Amino acid sequence: MGDPLFILAVAAMAAVVVALLLGLGSYGKGGETSRKYSNKLMRLRLLLQFVAVVLILAYVYLRTQGGQ
């Protein structure tokens, strides 16, 4: 569990959750705030999700290669 790639993947997943909650909060607030930030935050979430998935796949790939 002390693997740096694992810790990085968990941090990326946490960043996705934060971006999601900020985006939903902005959307729920409505008005000018929603118009200004909701779309940008959801795009950021998609980028962070991509990074998280790549890190998770890299972790799994490297762990399975080391196990053979």
PDB file of N, CA and C in Angstrom:
ATOM      1  N   MET A   1       0.815  -1.195   0.000  1.00  0.00           N
ATOM      2  CA  MET A   1       0.000   0.000   0.000  1.00  0.00           C
ATOM      3  C   MET A   1       0.857   1.258   0.000  1.00  0.00           C
ATOM      4  N   GLY A   2       2.125   1.147   0.269  1.00  0.00           N
ATOM      5  CA  GLY A   2       2.990   2.300   0.276  1.00  0.00           C
ATOM      6  C   GLY A   2       3.551   2.622  -1.095  1.00  0.00           C
ATOM      7  N   ASP A   3       3.041   1.948  -2.117  1.00  0.00           N
ATOM      8  CA  ASP A   3       3.501   2.167  -3.487  1.00  0.00           C
ATOM      9  C   ASP A   3       3.161   3.592  -3.934  1.00  0.00           C
ATOM     10  N   PRO A   4       4.139   4.354  -4.407  1.00  0.00           N
ATOM     11  CA  PRO A   4       3.866   5.743  -4.812  1.00  0.00           C
ATOM     12  C   PRO A   4       2.826   5.858  -5.932  1.00  0.00           C
ATOM     13  N   LEU A   5       2.804   4.907  -6.847  1.00  0.00           N
ATOM     14  CA  LEU A   5       1.817   4.958  -7.930  1.00  0.00           C
ATOM     15  C   LEU A   5       0.406   4.745  -7.385  1.00  0.00           C
ATOM     16  N   PHE A   6       0.275   3.871  -6.397  1.00  0.00           N
ATOM     17  CA  PHE A   6      -1.020   3.640  -5.761  1.00  0.00           C
ATOM     18  C   PHE A   6      -1.493   4.913  -5.062  1.00  0.00           C
ATOM     19  N   ILE A   7      -0.591   5.550  -4.335  1.00  0.00           N
ATOM     20  CA  ILE A   7      -0.942   6.780  -3.625  1.00  0.00           C
ATOM     21  C   ILE A   7      -1.331   7.872  -4.620  1.00  0.00           C
ATOM     22  N   LEU A   8      -0.619   7.956  -5.720  1.00  0.00           N
ATOM     23  CA  LEU A   8      -0.933   8.937  -6.761  1.00  0.00           C
ATOM     24  C   LEU A   8      -2.305   8.655  -7.386  1.00  0.00           C
ATOM     25  N   ALA A   9      -2.615   7.382  -7.606  1.00  0.00           N
ATOM     26  CA  ALA A   9      -3.916   7.019  -8.175  1.00  0.00           C
ATOM     27  C   ALA A   9      -5.044   7.375  -7.209  1.00  0.00           C
ATOM     28  N   VAL A  10      -4.842   7.132  -5.926  1.00  0.00           N
ATOM     29  CA  VAL A  10      -5.860   7.477  -4.926  1.00  0.00           C
ATOM     30  C   VAL A  10      -6.040   8.996  -4.859  1.00  0.00           C
ATOM     31  N   ALA A  11      -4.938   9.735  -4.926  1.00  0.00           N
ATOM     32  CA  ALA A  11      -5.023  11.196  -4.919  1.00  0.00           C
ATOM     33  C   ALA A  11      -5.773  11.702  -6.152  1.00  0.00           C
ATOM     34  N   ALA A  12      -5.548  11.069  -7.294  1.00  0.00           N
ATOM     35  CA  ALA A  12      -6.258  11.458  -8.515  1.00  0.00           C
ATOM     36  C   ALA A  12      -7.753  11.175  -8.376  1.00  0.00           C
ATOM     37  N   MET A  13      -8.100  10.054  -7.762  1.00  0.00           N
ATOM     38  CA  MET A  13      -9.518   9.748  -7.548  1.00  0.00           C
ATOM     39  C   MET A  13     -10.151  10.746  -6.591  1.00  0.00           C
ATOM     40  N   ALA A  14      -9.414  11.145  -5.566  1.00  0.00           N
ATOM     41  CA  ALA A  14      -9.928  12.155  -4.638  1.00  0.00           C
ATOM     42  C   ALA A  14     -10.133  13.489  -5.356  1.00  0.00           C
ATOM     43  N   ALA A  15      -9.232  13.834  -6.263  1.00  0.00           N
ATOM     44  CA  ALA A  15      -9.371  15.074  -7.026  1.00  0.00           C
ATOM     45  C   ALA A  15     -10.618  15.028  -7.911  1.00  0.00           C
ATOM     46  N   VAL A  16     -10.932  13.854  -8.443  1.00  0.00           N
ATOM     47  CA  VAL A  16     -12.147  13.701  -9.248  1.00  0.00           C
ATOM     48  C   VAL A  16     -13.376  13.962  -8.385  1.00  0.00           C
ATOM     49  N   VAL A  17     -13.378  13.416  -7.190  1.00  0.00           N
ATOM     50  CA  VAL A  17     -14.521  13.602  -6.292  1.00  0.00           C
ATOM     51  C   VAL A  17     -14.681  15.083  -5.931  1.00  0.00           C
ATOM     52  N   VAL A  18     -13.568  15.748  -5.640  1.00  0.00           N
ATOM     53  CA  VAL A  18     -13.627  17.171  -5.295  1.00  0.00           C
ATOM     54  C   VAL A  18     -14.164  17.984  -6.474  1.00  0.00           C
ATOM     55  N   ALA A  19     -13.664  17.710  -7.674  1.00  0.00           N
ATOM     56  CA  ALA A  19     -14.133  18.433  -8.857  1.00  0.00           C
ATOM     57  C   ALA A  19     -15.617  18.169  -9.105  1.00  0.00           C
ATOM     58  N   LEU A  20     -16.044  16.943  -8.885  1.00  0.00           N
ATOM     59  CA  LEU A  20     -17.464  16.601  -9.056  1.00  0.00           C
ATOM     60  C   LEU A  20     -18.322  17.365  -8.062  1.00  0.00           C
ATOM     61  N   LEU A  21     -17.913  17.372  -6.807  1.00  0.00           N
ATOM     62  CA  LEU A  21     -18.706  18.064  -5.787  1.00  0.00           C
ATOM     63  C   LEU A  21     -18.736  19.574  -6.024  1.00  0.00           C
ATOM     64  N   LEU A  22     -17.614  20.128  -6.425  1.00  0.00           N
ATOM     65  CA  LEU A  22     -17.591  21.567  -6.740  1.00  0.00           C
ATOM     66  C   LEU A  22     -18.496  21.879  -7.930  1.00  0.00           C
ATOM     67  N   GLY A  23     -18.462  21.027  -8.942  1.00  0.00           N
ATOM     68  CA  GLY A  23     -19.314  21.227 -10.115  1.00  0.00           C
ATOM     69  C   GLY A  23     -20.788  21.110  -9.787  1.00  0.00           C
ATOM     70  N   LEU A  24     -21.128  20.122  -8.973  1.00  0.00           N
ATOM     71  CA  LEU A  24     -22.529  19.957  -8.579  1.00  0.00           C
ATOM     72  C   LEU A  24     -22.988  21.109  -7.693  1.00  0.00           C
ATOM     73  N   GLY A  25     -22.095  21.558  -6.812  1.00  0.00           N
ATOM     74  CA  GLY A  25     -22.436  22.696  -5.961  1.00  0.00           C
ATOM     75  C   GLY A  25     -22.657  23.955  -6.774  1.00  0.00           C
ATOM     76  N   SER A  26     -21.821  24.158  -7.764  1.00  0.00           N
ATOM     77  CA  SER A  26     -21.964  25.320  -8.638  1.00  0.00           C
ATOM     78  C   SER A  26     -23.261  25.237  -9.434  1.00  0.00           C
ATOM     79  N   TYR A  27     -23.565  24.044  -9.897  1.00  0.00           N
ATOM     80  CA  TYR A  27     -24.805  23.844 -10.660  1.00  0.00           C
ATOM     81  C   TYR A  27     -26.024  24.070  -9.765  1.00  0.00           C
ATOM     82  N   GLY A  28     -25.950  23.553  -8.543  1.00  0.00           N
ATOM     83  CA  GLY A  28     -27.065  23.686  -7.615  1.00  0.00           C
ATOM     84  C   GLY A  28     -27.290  25.118  -7.159  1.00  0.00           C
ATOM     85  N   LYS A  29     -26.228  25.893  -7.123  1.00  0.00           N
ATOM     86  CA  LYS A  29     -26.343  27.291  -6.692  1.00  0.00           C
ATOM     87  C   LYS A  29     -27.118  28.110  -7.721  1.00  0.00           C
ATOM     88  N   GLY A  30     -26.941  27.757  -8.986  1.00  0.00           N
ATOM     89  CA  GLY A  30     -27.693  28.417 -10.052  1.00  0.00           C
ATOM     90  C   GLY A  30     -27.206  29.821 -10.345  1.00  0.00           C
ATOM     91  N   GLY A  31     -27.920  30.478 -11.205  1.00  0.00           N
ATOM     92  CA  GLY A  31     -27.628  31.867 -11.537  1.00  0.00           C
ATOM     93  C   GLY A  31     -26.308  32.048 -12.261  1.00  0.00           C
ATOM     94  N   GLU A  32     -25.664  33.175 -11.991  1.00  0.00           N
ATOM     95  CA  GLU A  32     -24.415  33.541 -12.658  1.00  0.00           C
ATOM     96  C   GLU A  32     -23.287  32.582 -12.314  1.00  0.00           C
ATOM     97  N   THR A  33     -23.256  32.124 -11.079  1.00  0.00           N
ATOM     98  CA  THR A  33     -22.210  31.177 -10.664  1.00  0.00           C
ATOM     99  C   THR A  33     -22.281  29.907 -11.494  1.00  0.00           C
ATOM    100  N   SER A  34     -23.471  29.398 -11.668  1.00  0.00           N
ATOM    101  CA  SER A  34     -23.655  28.187 -12.460  1.00  0.00           C
ATOM    102  C   SER A  34     -23.225  28.413 -13.898  1.00  0.00           C
ATOM    103  N   ARG A  35     -23.632  29.520 -14.460  1.00  0.00           N
ATOM    104  CA  ARG A  35     -23.291  29.822 -15.845  1.00  0.00           C
ATOM    105  C   ARG A  35     -21.779  29.943 -16.037  1.00  0.00           C
ATOM    106  N   LYS A  36     -21.109  30.485 -15.038  1.00  0.00           N
ATOM    107  CA  LYS A  36     -19.699  30.788 -15.170  1.00  0.00           C
ATOM    108  C   LYS A  36     -18.799  29.572 -14.909  1.00  0.00           C
ATOM    109  N   TYR A  37     -19.159  28.726 -13.947  1.00  0.00           N
ATOM    110  CA  TYR A  37     -18.224  27.698 -13.490  1.00  0.00           C
ATOM    111  C   TYR A  37     -18.632  26.245 -13.732  1.00  0.00           C
ATOM    112  N   SER A  38     -19.907  25.949 -13.848  1.00  0.00           N
ATOM    113  CA  SER A  38     -20.344  24.547 -13.925  1.00  0.00           C
ATOM    114  C   SER A  38     -19.693  23.794 -15.074  1.00  0.00           C
ATOM    115  N   ASN A  39     -19.732  24.360 -16.262  1.00  0.00           N
ATOM    116  CA  ASN A  39     -19.182  23.677 -17.434  1.00  0.00           C
ATOM    117  C   ASN A  39     -17.671  23.497 -17.308  1.00  0.00           C
ATOM    118  N   LYS A  40     -16.978  24.506 -16.813  1.00  0.00           N
ATOM    119  CA  LYS A  40     -15.525  24.411 -16.646  1.00  0.00           C
ATOM    120  C   LYS A  40     -15.156  23.345 -15.628  1.00  0.00           C
ATOM    121  N   LEU A  41     -15.914  23.280 -14.545  1.00  0.00           N
ATOM    122  CA  LEU A  41     -15.620  22.279 -13.518  1.00  0.00           C
ATOM    123  C   LEU A  41     -15.908  20.863 -14.020  1.00  0.00           C
ATOM    124  N   MET A  42     -16.938  20.703 -14.824  1.00  0.00           N
ATOM    125  CA  MET A  42     -17.231  19.372 -15.355  1.00  0.00           C
ATOM    126  C   MET A  42     -16.184  18.952 -16.383  1.00  0.00           C
ATOM    127  N   ARG A  43     -15.653  19.892 -17.144  1.00  0.00           N
ATOM    128  CA  ARG A  43     -14.556  19.569 -18.064  1.00  0.00           C
ATOM    129  C   ARG A  43     -13.310  19.172 -17.283  1.00  0.00           C
ATOM    130  N   LEU A  44     -13.050  19.890 -16.200  1.00  0.00           N
ATOM    131  CA  LEU A  44     -11.926  19.548 -15.336  1.00  0.00           C
ATOM    132  C   LEU A  44     -12.108  18.149 -14.758  1.00  0.00           C
ATOM    133  N   ARG A  45     -13.339  17.824 -14.367  1.00  0.00           N
ATOM    134  CA  ARG A  45     -13.618  16.487 -13.835  1.00  0.00           C
ATOM    135  C   ARG A  45     -13.316  15.415 -14.873  1.00  0.00           C
ATOM    136  N   LEU A  46     -13.701  15.653 -16.112  1.00  0.00           N
ATOM    137  CA  LEU A  46     -13.422  14.669 -17.160  1.00  0.00           C
ATOM    138  C   LEU A  46     -11.922  14.474 -17.361  1.00  0.00           C
ATOM    139  N   LEU A  47     -11.175  15.552 -17.347  1.00  0.00           N
ATOM    140  CA  LEU A  47      -9.725  15.452 -17.467  1.00  0.00           C
ATOM    141  C   LEU A  47      -9.128  14.685 -16.293  1.00  0.00           C
ATOM    142  N   LEU A  48      -9.586  15.008 -15.089  1.00  0.00           N
ATOM    143  CA  LEU A  48      -9.082  14.304 -13.900  1.00  0.00           C
ATOM    144  C   LEU A  48      -9.468  12.826 -13.915  1.00  0.00           C
ATOM    145  N   GLN A  49     -10.653  12.527 -14.421  1.00  0.00           N
ATOM    146  CA  GLN A  49     -11.064  11.122 -14.532  1.00  0.00           C
ATOM    147  C   GLN A  49     -10.143  10.375 -15.491  1.00  0.00           C
ATOM    148  N   PHE A  50      -9.806  10.993 -16.605  1.00  0.00           N
ATOM    149  CA  PHE A  50      -8.910  10.375 -17.564  1.00  0.00           C
ATOM    150  C   PHE A  50      -7.561  10.078 -16.912  1.00  0.00           C
ATOM    151  N   VAL A  51      -7.025  11.058 -16.200  1.00  0.00           N
ATOM    152  CA  VAL A  51      -5.738  10.879 -15.520  1.00  0.00           C
ATOM    153  C   VAL A  51      -5.836   9.754 -14.488  1.00  0.00           C
ATOM    154  N   ALA A  52      -6.932   9.734 -13.723  1.00  0.00           N
ATOM    155  CA  ALA A  52      -7.105   8.698 -12.707  1.00  0.00           C
ATOM    156  C   ALA A  52      -7.179   7.308 -13.336  1.00  0.00           C
ATOM    157  N   VAL A  53      -7.907   7.176 -14.424  1.00  0.00           N
ATOM    158  CA  VAL A  53      -8.026   5.874 -15.084  1.00  0.00           C
ATOM    159  C   VAL A  53      -6.673   5.422 -15.630  1.00  0.00           C
ATOM    160  N   VAL A  54      -5.925   6.332 -16.227  1.00  0.00           N
ATOM    161  CA  VAL A  54      -4.595   5.985 -16.743  1.00  0.00           C
ATOM    162  C   VAL A  54      -3.685   5.520 -15.599  1.00  0.00           C
ATOM    163  N   LEU A  55      -3.725   6.231 -14.478  1.00  0.00           N
ATOM    164  CA  LEU A  55      -2.896   5.843 -13.330  1.00  0.00           C
ATOM    165  C   LEU A  55      -3.315   4.487 -12.762  1.00  0.00           C
ATOM    166  N   ILE A  56      -4.603   4.238 -12.698  1.00  0.00           N
ATOM    167  CA  ILE A  56      -5.084   2.949 -12.194  1.00  0.00           C
ATOM    168  C   ILE A  56      -4.656   1.822 -13.130  1.00  0.00           C
ATOM    169  N   LEU A  57      -4.808   2.041 -14.430  1.00  0.00           N
ATOM    170  CA  LEU A  57      -4.390   1.015 -15.395  1.00  0.00           C
ATOM    171  C   LEU A  57      -2.886   0.784 -15.336  1.00  0.00           C
ATOM    172  N   ALA A  58      -2.112   1.849 -15.181  1.00  0.00           N
ATOM    173  CA  ALA A  58      -0.661   1.708 -15.057  1.00  0.00           C
ATOM    174  C   ALA A  58      -0.308   0.919 -13.803  1.00  0.00           C
ATOM    175  N   TYR A  59      -0.978   1.209 -12.712  1.00  0.00           N
ATOM    176  CA  TYR A  59      -0.729   0.488 -11.456  1.00  0.00           C
ATOM    177  C   TYR A  59      -1.035  -1.000 -11.610  1.00  0.00           C
ATOM    178  N   VAL A  60      -2.193  -1.297 -12.175  1.00  0.00           N
ATOM    179  CA  VAL A  60      -2.589  -2.705 -12.355  1.00  0.00           C
ATOM    180  C   VAL A  60      -1.625  -3.410 -13.302  1.00  0.00           C
ATOM    181  N   TYR A  61      -1.276  -2.758 -14.393  1.00  0.00           N
ATOM    182  CA  TYR A  61      -0.351  -3.354 -15.362  1.00  0.00           C
ATOM    183  C   TYR A  61       1.007  -3.646 -14.724  1.00  0.00           C
ATOM    184  N   LEU A  62       1.543  -2.665 -14.022  1.00  0.00           N
ATOM    185  CA  LEU A  62       2.850  -2.858 -13.398  1.00  0.00           C
ATOM    186  C   LEU A  62       2.816  -3.892 -12.287  1.00  0.00           C
ATOM    187  N   ARG A  63       1.727  -3.975 -11.555  1.00  0.00           N
ATOM    188  CA  ARG A  63       1.602  -4.985 -10.492  1.00  0.00           C
ATOM    189  C   ARG A  63       1.506  -6.399 -11.092  1.00  0.00           C
ATOM    190  N   THR A  64       0.778  -6.541 -12.198  1.00  0.00           N
ATOM    191  CA  THR A  64       0.665  -7.872 -12.795  1.00  0.00           C
ATOM    192  C   THR A  64       1.957  -8.292 -13.469  1.00  0.00           C
ATOM    193  N   GLN A  65       2.714  -7.347 -14.000  1.00  0.00           N
ATOM    194  CA  GLN A  65       3.999  -7.678 -14.624  1.00  0.00           C
ATOM    195  C   GLN A  65       5.013  -8.116 -13.564  1.00  0.00           C
ATOM    196  N   GLY A  66       4.960  -7.531 -12.404  1.00  0.00           N
ATOM    197  CA  GLY A  66       5.881  -7.895 -11.329  1.00  0.00           C
ATOM    198  C   GLY A  66       5.534  -9.226 -10.688  1.00  0.00           C
ATOM    199  N   GLY A  67       4.281  -9.657 -10.833  1.00  0.00           N
ATOM    200  CA  GLY A  67       3.841 -10.904 -10.201  1.00  0.00           C
ATOM    201  C   GLY A  67       4.184 -12.155 -10.996  1.00  0.00           C
ATOM    202  N   GLN A  68       4.634 -12.012 -12.241  1.00  0.00           N
ATOM    203  CA  GLN A  68       4.899 -13.183 -13.076  1.00  0.00           C
ATOM    204  C   GLN A  68       6.289 -13.705 -12.891  1.00  0.00           C
TER     205      GLN A  68
END
